[in-house]
Amino acid sequence: LVLHEVEGHKLHRHLTTWAHLFEIDAECANKAAD
């Protein structure tokens, strides 16, 4: 779980790199990053 948050979302900057995907569809953006 910690690696998922840190190596996955933080290191790969999912919350900024893919912010435009969230604007289109938050559910699909969440799933895709996971």
PDB file of all heavy atoms in Angstrom:
ATOM      1  N   LEU A   1       0.823  -1.200   0.000  1.00  0.00           N
ATOM      2  CA  LEU A   1       0.000   0.000   0.000  1.00  0.00           C
ATOM      3  C   LEU A   1       0.865   1.260   0.000  1.00  0.00           C
ATOM      4  O   LEU A   1       0.607   2.207  -0.748  1.00  0.00           O
ATOM      5  CB  LEU A   1      -0.935  -0.006   1.211  1.00  0.00           C
ATOM      6  CG  LEU A   1      -1.863   1.192   1.367  1.00  0.00           C
ATOM      7  CD1 LEU A   1      -2.812   1.312   0.179  1.00  0.00           C
ATOM      8  CD2 LEU A   1      -2.655   1.082   2.666  1.00  0.00           C
ATOM      9  N   VAL A   2       1.902   1.276   0.836  1.00  0.00           N
ATOM     10  CA  VAL A   2       2.794   2.433   0.891  1.00  0.00           C
ATOM     11  C   VAL A   2       3.518   2.604  -0.440  1.00  0.00           C
ATOM     12  O   VAL A   2       3.629   3.721  -0.966  1.00  0.00           O
ATOM     13  CB  VAL A   2       3.807   2.295   2.049  1.00  0.00           C
ATOM     14  CG1 VAL A   2       4.840   3.421   1.989  1.00  0.00           C
ATOM     15  CG2 VAL A   2       3.087   2.303   3.398  1.00  0.00           C
ATOM     16  N   LEU A   3       4.000   1.513  -1.007  1.00  0.00           N
ATOM     17  CA  LEU A   3       4.669   1.580  -2.305  1.00  0.00           C
ATOM     18  C   LEU A   3       3.709   2.052  -3.394  1.00  0.00           C
ATOM     19  O   LEU A   3       4.108   2.784  -4.317  1.00  0.00           O
ATOM     20  CB  LEU A   3       5.248   0.214  -2.675  1.00  0.00           C
ATOM     21  CG  LEU A   3       6.499  -0.199  -1.896  1.00  0.00           C
ATOM     22  CD1 LEU A   3       6.793  -1.683  -2.117  1.00  0.00           C
ATOM     23  CD2 LEU A   3       7.704   0.650  -2.320  1.00  0.00           C
ATOM     24  N   HIS A   4       2.459   1.639  -3.291  1.00  0.00           N
ATOM     25  CA  HIS A   4       1.448   2.069  -4.254  1.00  0.00           C
ATOM     26  C   HIS A   4       1.319   3.592  -4.238  1.00  0.00           C
ATOM     27  O   HIS A   4       1.262   4.224  -5.303  1.00  0.00           O
ATOM     28  CB  HIS A   4       0.108   1.414  -3.894  1.00  0.00           C
ATOM     29  CG  HIS A   4      -1.018   1.772  -4.809  1.00  0.00           C
ATOM     30  ND1 HIS A   4      -1.429   0.959  -5.839  1.00  0.00           N
ATOM     31  CD2 HIS A   4      -1.830   2.855  -4.844  1.00  0.00           C
ATOM     32  CE1 HIS A   4      -2.439   1.533  -6.478  1.00  0.00           C
ATOM     33  NE2 HIS A   4      -2.712   2.676  -5.878  1.00  0.00           N
ATOM     34  N   GLU A   5       1.296   4.173  -3.048  1.00  0.00           N
ATOM     35  CA  GLU A   5       1.169   5.620  -2.944  1.00  0.00           C
ATOM     36  C   GLU A   5       2.455   6.337  -3.342  1.00  0.00           C
ATOM     37  O   GLU A   5       2.420   7.334  -4.069  1.00  0.00           O
ATOM     38  CB  GLU A   5       0.799   6.016  -1.502  1.00  0.00           C
ATOM     39  CG  GLU A   5      -0.460   5.381  -0.950  1.00  0.00           C
ATOM     40  CD  GLU A   5      -1.689   5.674  -1.775  1.00  0.00           C
ATOM     41  OE1 GLU A   5      -1.775   6.763  -2.370  1.00  0.00           O
ATOM     42  OE2 GLU A   5      -2.579   4.795  -1.836  1.00  0.00           O
ATOM     43  N   VAL A   6       3.596   5.818  -2.867  1.00  0.00           N
ATOM     44  CA  VAL A   6       4.862   6.538  -3.046  1.00  0.00           C
ATOM     45  C   VAL A   6       5.485   6.270  -4.417  1.00  0.00           C
ATOM     46  O   VAL A   6       5.724   7.200  -5.195  1.00  0.00           O
ATOM     47  CB  VAL A   6       5.859   6.167  -1.928  1.00  0.00           C
ATOM     48  CG1 VAL A   6       7.199   6.859  -2.169  1.00  0.00           C
ATOM     49  CG2 VAL A   6       5.301   6.558  -0.567  1.00  0.00           C
ATOM     50  N   GLU A   7       5.773   5.009  -4.699  1.00  0.00           N
ATOM     51  CA  GLU A   7       6.425   4.704  -5.982  1.00  0.00           C
ATOM     52  C   GLU A   7       5.449   4.870  -7.140  1.00  0.00           C
ATOM     53  O   GLU A   7       5.829   5.323  -8.220  1.00  0.00           O
ATOM     54  CB  GLU A   7       6.972   3.274  -5.989  1.00  0.00           C
ATOM     55  CG  GLU A   7       7.759   2.979  -7.266  1.00  0.00           C
ATOM     56  CD  GLU A   7       8.258   1.554  -7.336  1.00  0.00           C
ATOM     57  OE1 GLU A   7       7.748   0.691  -6.597  1.00  0.00           O
ATOM     58  OE2 GLU A   7       9.149   1.297  -8.159  1.00  0.00           O
ATOM     59  N   GLY A   8       4.196   4.492  -6.896  1.00  0.00           N
ATOM     60  CA  GLY A   8       3.211   4.602  -7.959  1.00  0.00           C
ATOM     61  C   GLY A   8       2.790   6.035  -8.212  1.00  0.00           C
ATOM     62  O   GLY A   8       3.161   6.645  -9.218  1.00  0.00           O
ATOM     63  N   HIS A   9       2.043   6.608  -7.286  1.00  0.00           N
ATOM     64  CA  HIS A   9       1.423   7.908  -7.527  1.00  0.00           C
ATOM     65  C   HIS A   9       2.372   9.095  -7.341  1.00  0.00           C
ATOM     66  O   HIS A   9       2.314  10.056  -8.117  1.00  0.00           O
ATOM     67  CB  HIS A   9       0.204   8.076  -6.628  1.00  0.00           C
ATOM     68  CG  HIS A   9      -0.852   7.042  -6.864  1.00  0.00           C
ATOM     69  ND1 HIS A   9      -1.166   6.571  -8.127  1.00  0.00           N
ATOM     70  CD2 HIS A   9      -1.682   6.372  -6.007  1.00  0.00           C
ATOM     71  CE1 HIS A   9      -2.135   5.681  -8.038  1.00  0.00           C
ATOM     72  NE2 HIS A   9      -2.454   5.534  -6.766  1.00  0.00           N
ATOM     73  N   LYS A  10       3.243   9.052  -6.330  1.00  0.00           N
ATOM     74  CA  LYS A  10       4.118  10.197  -6.087  1.00  0.00           C
ATOM     75  C   LYS A  10       5.287  10.234  -7.066  1.00  0.00           C
ATOM     76  O   LYS A  10       5.526  11.256  -7.711  1.00  0.00           O
ATOM     77  CB  LYS A  10       4.628  10.183  -4.640  1.00  0.00           C
ATOM     78  CG  LYS A  10       3.564  10.527  -3.615  1.00  0.00           C
ATOM     79  CD  LYS A  10       4.061  10.404  -2.186  1.00  0.00           C
ATOM     80  CE  LYS A  10       5.093  11.412  -1.806  1.00  0.00           C
ATOM     81  NZ  LYS A  10       5.347  11.411  -0.333  1.00  0.00           N
ATOM     82  N   LEU A  11       6.014   9.129  -7.176  1.00  0.00           N
ATOM     83  CA  LEU A  11       7.191   9.114  -8.046  1.00  0.00           C
ATOM     84  C   LEU A  11       6.811   9.360  -9.506  1.00  0.00           C
ATOM     85  O   LEU A  11       7.497  10.089 -10.228  1.00  0.00           O
ATOM     86  CB  LEU A  11       7.929   7.785  -7.916  1.00  0.00           C
ATOM     87  CG  LEU A  11       9.191   7.628  -8.786  1.00  0.00           C
ATOM     88  CD1 LEU A  11      10.236   8.670  -8.403  1.00  0.00           C
ATOM     89  CD2 LEU A  11       9.763   6.222  -8.646  1.00  0.00           C
ATOM     90  N   HIS A  12       5.713   8.762  -9.935  1.00  0.00           N
ATOM     91  CA  HIS A  12       5.279   8.932 -11.319  1.00  0.00           C
ATOM     92  C   HIS A  12       4.410  10.174 -11.521  1.00  0.00           C
ATOM     93  O   HIS A  12       3.912  10.410 -12.622  1.00  0.00           O
ATOM     94  CB  HIS A  12       4.529   7.681 -11.784  1.00  0.00           C
ATOM     95  CG  HIS A  12       5.417   6.496 -11.992  1.00  0.00           C
ATOM     96  ND1 HIS A  12       5.749   5.623 -10.969  1.00  0.00           N
ATOM     97  CD2 HIS A  12       6.051   6.047 -13.086  1.00  0.00           C
ATOM     98  CE1 HIS A  12       6.544   4.683 -11.440  1.00  0.00           C
ATOM     99  NE2 HIS A  12       6.753   4.916 -12.721  1.00  0.00           N
ATOM    100  N   ARG A  13       4.206  10.932 -10.449  1.00  0.00           N
ATOM    101  CA  ARG A  13       3.490  12.214 -10.499  1.00  0.00           C
ATOM    102  C   ARG A  13       2.125  12.089 -11.186  1.00  0.00           C
ATOM    103  O   ARG A  13       1.737  12.920 -12.018  1.00  0.00           O
ATOM    104  CB  ARG A  13       4.364  13.266 -11.186  1.00  0.00           C
ATOM    105  CG  ARG A  13       5.578  13.657 -10.367  1.00  0.00           C
ATOM    106  CD  ARG A  13       6.472  14.622 -11.066  1.00  0.00           C
ATOM    107  NE  ARG A  13       7.252  13.942 -12.100  1.00  0.00           N
ATOM    108  CZ  ARG A  13       8.199  14.510 -12.853  1.00  0.00           C
ATOM    109  NH1 ARG A  13       8.449  15.786 -12.692  1.00  0.00           N
ATOM    110  NH2 ARG A  13       8.856  13.834 -13.737  1.00  0.00           N
ATOM    111  N   HIS A  14       1.411  11.042 -10.818  1.00  0.00           N
ATOM    112  CA  HIS A  14       0.108  10.790 -11.429  1.00  0.00           C
ATOM    113  C   HIS A  14      -0.872  11.935 -11.234  1.00  0.00           C
ATOM    114  O   HIS A  14      -1.694  12.222 -12.105  1.00  0.00           O
ATOM    115  CB  HIS A  14      -0.498   9.502 -10.846  1.00  0.00           C
ATOM    116  CG  HIS A  14       0.129   8.265 -11.392  1.00  0.00           C
ATOM    117  ND1 HIS A  14      -0.030   7.021 -10.822  1.00  0.00           N
ATOM    118  CD2 HIS A  14       0.913   8.065 -12.478  1.00  0.00           C
ATOM    119  CE1 HIS A  14       0.624   6.114 -11.516  1.00  0.00           C
ATOM    120  NE2 HIS A  14       1.215   6.728 -12.517  1.00  0.00           N
ATOM    121  N   LEU A  15      -0.799  12.585 -10.065  1.00  0.00           N
ATOM    122  CA  LEU A  15      -1.808  13.597  -9.734  1.00  0.00           C
ATOM    123  C   LEU A  15      -1.609  14.901 -10.495  1.00  0.00           C
ATOM    124  O   LEU A  15      -2.517  15.732 -10.545  1.00  0.00           O
ATOM    125  CB  LEU A  15      -1.814  13.863  -8.229  1.00  0.00           C
ATOM    126  CG  LEU A  15      -2.566  12.876  -7.329  1.00  0.00           C
ATOM    127  CD1 LEU A  15      -4.050  12.889  -7.621  1.00  0.00           C
ATOM    128  CD2 LEU A  15      -2.028  11.463  -7.439  1.00  0.00           C
ATOM    129  N   THR A  16      -0.429  15.088 -11.077  1.00  0.00           N
ATOM    130  CA  THR A  16      -0.196  16.282 -11.889  1.00  0.00           C
ATOM    131  C   THR A  16      -0.086  15.923 -13.370  1.00  0.00           C
ATOM    132  O   THR A  16      -0.692  16.581 -14.218  1.00  0.00           O
ATOM    133  CB  THR A  16       1.078  17.016 -11.436  1.00  0.00           C
ATOM    134  OG1 THR A  16       2.182  16.094 -11.396  1.00  0.00           O
ATOM    135  CG2 THR A  16       0.890  17.625 -10.051  1.00  0.00           C
ATOM    136  N   THR A  17       0.652  14.862 -13.675  1.00  0.00           N
ATOM    137  CA  THR A  17       0.828  14.465 -15.072  1.00  0.00           C
ATOM    138  C   THR A  17      -0.496  14.154 -15.745  1.00  0.00           C
ATOM    139  O   THR A  17      -0.724  14.506 -16.908  1.00  0.00           O
ATOM    140  CB  THR A  17       1.745  13.234 -15.165  1.00  0.00           C
ATOM    141  OG1 THR A  17       3.008  13.538 -14.571  1.00  0.00           O
ATOM    142  CG2 THR A  17       1.952  12.815 -16.617  1.00  0.00           C
ATOM    143  N   TRP A  18      -1.395  13.483 -15.016  1.00  0.00           N
ATOM    144  CA  TRP A  18      -2.649  13.026 -15.607  1.00  0.00           C
ATOM    145  C   TRP A  18      -3.856  13.805 -15.086  1.00  0.00           C
ATOM    146  O   TRP A  18      -4.980  13.328 -15.154  1.00  0.00           O
ATOM    147  CB  TRP A  18      -2.837  11.528 -15.346  1.00  0.00           C
ATOM    148  CG  TRP A  18      -1.692  10.698 -15.815  1.00  0.00           C
ATOM    149  CD1 TRP A  18      -0.889   9.913 -15.048  1.00  0.00           C
ATOM    150  CD2 TRP A  18      -1.213  10.563 -17.156  1.00  0.00           C
ATOM    151  NE1 TRP A  18       0.075   9.296 -15.821  1.00  0.00           N
ATOM    152  CE2 TRP A  18      -0.107   9.671 -17.126  1.00  0.00           C
ATOM    153  CE3 TRP A  18      -1.603  11.100 -18.395  1.00  0.00           C
ATOM    154  CZ2 TRP A  18       0.598   9.320 -18.275  1.00  0.00           C
ATOM    155  CZ3 TRP A  18      -0.895  10.751 -19.533  1.00  0.00           C
ATOM    156  CH2 TRP A  18       0.189   9.876 -19.476  1.00  0.00           C
ATOM    157  N   ALA A  19      -3.631  15.017 -14.605  1.00  0.00           N
ATOM    158  CA  ALA A  19      -4.744  15.818 -14.091  1.00  0.00           C
ATOM    159  C   ALA A  19      -5.798  16.071 -15.163  1.00  0.00           C
ATOM    160  O   ALA A  19      -6.997  16.135 -14.860  1.00  0.00           O
ATOM    161  CB  ALA A  19      -4.215  17.148 -13.545  1.00  0.00           C
ATOM    162  N   HIS A  20      -5.373  16.186 -16.422  1.00  0.00           N
ATOM    163  CA  HIS A  20      -6.352  16.438 -17.488  1.00  0.00           C
ATOM    164  C   HIS A  20      -7.287  15.257 -17.689  1.00  0.00           C
ATOM    165  O   HIS A  20      -8.433  15.431 -18.114  1.00  0.00           O
ATOM    166  CB  HIS A  20      -5.632  16.770 -18.802  1.00  0.00           C
ATOM    167  CG  HIS A  20      -4.789  15.662 -19.348  1.00  0.00           C
ATOM    168  ND1 HIS A  20      -3.596  15.263 -18.757  1.00  0.00           N
ATOM    169  CD2 HIS A  20      -4.964  14.852 -20.430  1.00  0.00           C
ATOM    170  CE1 HIS A  20      -3.068  14.276 -19.453  1.00  0.00           C
ATOM    171  NE2 HIS A  20      -3.874  14.004 -20.468  1.00  0.00           N
ATOM    172  N   LEU A  21      -6.815  14.047 -17.360  1.00  0.00           N
ATOM    173  CA  LEU A  21      -7.685  12.875 -17.462  1.00  0.00           C
ATOM    174  C   LEU A  21      -8.758  12.906 -16.385  1.00  0.00           C
ATOM    175  O   LEU A  21      -9.906  12.505 -16.623  1.00  0.00           O
ATOM    176  CB  LEU A  21      -6.866  11.582 -17.343  1.00  0.00           C
ATOM    177  CG  LEU A  21      -5.782  11.366 -18.384  1.00  0.00           C
ATOM    178  CD1 LEU A  21      -5.081  10.023 -18.157  1.00  0.00           C
ATOM    179  CD2 LEU A  21      -6.348  11.440 -19.804  1.00  0.00           C
ATOM    180  N   PHE A  22      -8.394  13.374 -15.215  1.00  0.00           N
ATOM    181  CA  PHE A  22      -9.371  13.520 -14.133  1.00  0.00           C
ATOM    182  C   PHE A  22     -10.477  14.485 -14.535  1.00  0.00           C
ATOM    183  O   PHE A  22     -11.643  14.282 -14.212  1.00  0.00           O
ATOM    184  CB  PHE A  22      -8.678  14.009 -12.861  1.00  0.00           C
ATOM    185  CG  PHE A  22      -9.633  14.446 -11.788  1.00  0.00           C
ATOM    186  CD1 PHE A  22     -10.302  13.523 -11.015  1.00  0.00           C
ATOM    187  CD2 PHE A  22      -9.875  15.793 -11.559  1.00  0.00           C
ATOM    188  CE1 PHE A  22     -11.191  13.923 -10.024  1.00  0.00           C
ATOM    189  CE2 PHE A  22     -10.765  16.212 -10.583  1.00  0.00           C
ATOM    190  CZ  PHE A  22     -11.418  15.271  -9.810  1.00  0.00           C
ATOM    191  N   GLU A  23     -10.117  15.538 -15.244  1.00  0.00           N
ATOM    192  CA  GLU A  23     -11.119  16.510 -15.673  1.00  0.00           C
ATOM    193  C   GLU A  23     -12.114  15.873 -16.636  1.00  0.00           C
ATOM    194  O   GLU A  23     -13.286  16.266 -16.673  1.00  0.00           O
ATOM    195  CB  GLU A  23     -10.429  17.714 -16.337  1.00  0.00           C
ATOM    196  CG  GLU A  23      -9.488  18.492 -15.422  1.00  0.00           C
ATOM    197  CD  GLU A  23     -10.209  19.203 -14.303  1.00  0.00           C
ATOM    198  OE1 GLU A  23     -11.439  19.398 -14.412  1.00  0.00           O
ATOM    199  OE2 GLU A  23      -9.552  19.579 -13.311  1.00  0.00           O
ATOM    200  N   ILE A  24     -11.658  14.895 -17.402  1.00  0.00           N
ATOM    201  CA  ILE A  24     -12.546  14.208 -18.347  1.00  0.00           C
ATOM    202  C   ILE A  24     -13.440  13.219 -17.618  1.00  0.00           C
ATOM    203  O   ILE A  24     -14.664  13.210 -17.791  1.00  0.00           O
ATOM    204  CB  ILE A  24     -11.721  13.478 -19.428  1.00  0.00           C
ATOM    205  CG1 ILE A  24     -10.893  14.482 -20.237  1.00  0.00           C
ATOM    206  CG2 ILE A  24     -12.635  12.664 -20.349  1.00  0.00           C
ATOM    207  CD1 ILE A  24      -9.898  13.838 -21.164  1.00  0.00           C
ATOM    208  N   ASP A  25     -12.822  12.348 -16.777  1.00  0.00           N
ATOM    209  CA  ASP A  25     -13.590  11.338 -16.048  1.00  0.00           C
ATOM    210  C   ASP A  25     -12.764  10.877 -14.850  1.00  0.00           C
ATOM    211  O   ASP A  25     -11.777  10.148 -15.017  1.00  0.00           O
ATOM    212  CB  ASP A  25     -13.929  10.148 -16.953  1.00  0.00           C
ATOM    213  CG  ASP A  25     -14.914   9.191 -16.312  1.00  0.00           C
ATOM    214  OD1 ASP A  25     -14.544   8.534 -15.318  1.00  0.00           O
ATOM    215  OD2 ASP A  25     -16.053   9.085 -16.804  1.00  0.00           O
ATOM    216  N   ALA A  26     -13.156  11.301 -13.660  1.00  0.00           N
ATOM    217  CA  ALA A  26     -12.383  11.010 -12.453  1.00  0.00           C
ATOM    218  C   ALA A  26     -12.315   9.518 -12.167  1.00  0.00           C
ATOM    219  O   ALA A  26     -11.271   8.991 -11.763  1.00  0.00           O
ATOM    220  CB  ALA A  26     -12.981  11.751 -11.264  1.00  0.00           C
ATOM    221  N   GLU A  27     -13.425   8.810 -12.358  1.00  0.00           N
ATOM    222  CA  GLU A  27     -13.460   7.375 -12.068  1.00  0.00           C
ATOM    223  C   GLU A  27     -12.466   6.614 -12.939  1.00  0.00           C
ATOM    224  O   GLU A  27     -11.688   5.798 -12.443  1.00  0.00           O
ATOM    225  CB  GLU A  27     -14.866   6.832 -12.288  1.00  0.00           C
ATOM    226  CG  GLU A  27     -14.972   5.313 -12.080  1.00  0.00           C
ATOM    227  CD  GLU A  27     -16.304   4.750 -12.559  1.00  0.00           C
ATOM    228  OE1 GLU A  27     -17.107   5.491 -13.137  1.00  0.00           O
ATOM    229  OE2 GLU A  27     -16.503   3.541 -12.365  1.00  0.00           O
ATOM    230  N   CYS A  28     -12.497   6.892 -14.238  1.00  0.00           N
ATOM    231  CA  CYS A  28     -11.593   6.188 -15.147  1.00  0.00           C
ATOM    232  C   CYS A  28     -10.136   6.568 -14.902  1.00  0.00           C
ATOM    233  O   CYS A  28      -9.237   5.732 -15.018  1.00  0.00           O
ATOM    234  CB  CYS A  28     -11.970   6.485 -16.600  1.00  0.00           C
ATOM    235  SG  CYS A  28     -13.530   5.731 -17.123  1.00  0.00           S
ATOM    236  N   ALA A  29      -9.892   7.836 -14.545  1.00  0.00           N
ATOM    237  CA  ALA A  29      -8.532   8.273 -14.249  1.00  0.00           C
ATOM    238  C   ALA A  29      -8.001   7.570 -13.006  1.00  0.00           C
ATOM    239  O   ALA A  29      -6.843   7.130 -12.958  1.00  0.00           O
ATOM    240  CB  ALA A  29      -8.496   9.786 -14.067  1.00  0.00           C
ATOM    241  N   ASN A  30      -8.837   7.449 -11.973  1.00  0.00           N
ATOM    242  CA  ASN A  30      -8.436   6.747 -10.754  1.00  0.00           C
ATOM    243  C   ASN A  30      -8.080   5.303 -11.052  1.00  0.00           C
ATOM    244  O   ASN A  30      -7.049   4.778 -10.608  1.00  0.00           O
ATOM    245  CB  ASN A  30      -9.567   6.789  -9.723  1.00  0.00           C
ATOM    246  CG  ASN A  30      -9.726   8.147  -9.077  1.00  0.00           C
ATOM    247  OD1 ASN A  30      -8.804   8.954  -9.070  1.00  0.00           O
ATOM    248  ND2 ASN A  30     -10.900   8.418  -8.550  1.00  0.00           N
ATOM    249  N   LYS A  31      -8.955   4.642 -11.797  1.00  0.00           N
ATOM    250  CA  LYS A  31      -8.723   3.238 -12.116  1.00  0.00           C
ATOM    251  C   LYS A  31      -7.461   3.053 -12.949  1.00  0.00           C
ATOM    252  O   LYS A  31      -6.669   2.129 -12.717  1.00  0.00           O
ATOM    253  CB  LYS A  31      -9.924   2.670 -12.865  1.00  0.00           C
ATOM    254  CG  LYS A  31     -11.142   2.399 -12.009  1.00  0.00           C
ATOM    255  CD  LYS A  31     -12.221   1.715 -12.842  1.00  0.00           C
ATOM    256  CE  LYS A  31     -13.384   1.249 -11.988  1.00  0.00           C
ATOM    257  NZ  LYS A  31     -14.400   0.521 -12.779  1.00  0.00           N
ATOM    258  N   ALA A  32      -7.283   3.914 -13.953  1.00  0.00           N
ATOM    259  CA  ALA A  32      -6.141   3.777 -14.851  1.00  0.00           C
ATOM    260  C   ALA A  32      -4.819   3.877 -14.098  1.00  0.00           C
ATOM    261  O   ALA A  32      -3.889   3.087 -14.325  1.00  0.00           O
ATOM    262  CB  ALA A  32      -6.214   4.832 -15.947  1.00  0.00           C
ATOM    263  N   ALA A  33      -4.719   4.853 -13.190  1.00  0.00           N
ATOM    264  CA  ALA A  33      -3.493   5.021 -12.406  1.00  0.00           C
ATOM    265  C   ALA A  33      -3.228   3.800 -11.539  1.00  0.00           C
ATOM    266  O   ALA A  33      -2.076   3.386 -11.356  1.00  0.00           O
ATOM    267  CB  ALA A  33      -3.598   6.274 -11.541  1.00  0.00           C
ATOM    268  N   ASP A  34      -4.292   3.199 -11.010  1.00  0.00           N
ATOM    269  CA  ASP A  34      -4.130   2.014 -10.162  1.00  0.00           C
ATOM    270  C   ASP A  34      -3.763   0.775 -10.960  1.00  0.00           C
ATOM    271  O   ASP A  34      -2.917  -0.025 -10.536  1.00  0.00           O
ATOM    272  CB  ASP A  34      -5.412   1.758  -9.370  1.00  0.00           C
ATOM    273  CG  ASP A  34      -5.511   2.631  -8.129  1.00  0.00           C
ATOM    274  OD1 ASP A  34      -4.588   3.440  -7.910  1.00  0.00           O
ATOM    275  OD2 ASP A  34      -6.495   2.516  -7.387  1.00  0.00           O
TER     276      ASP A  34
END
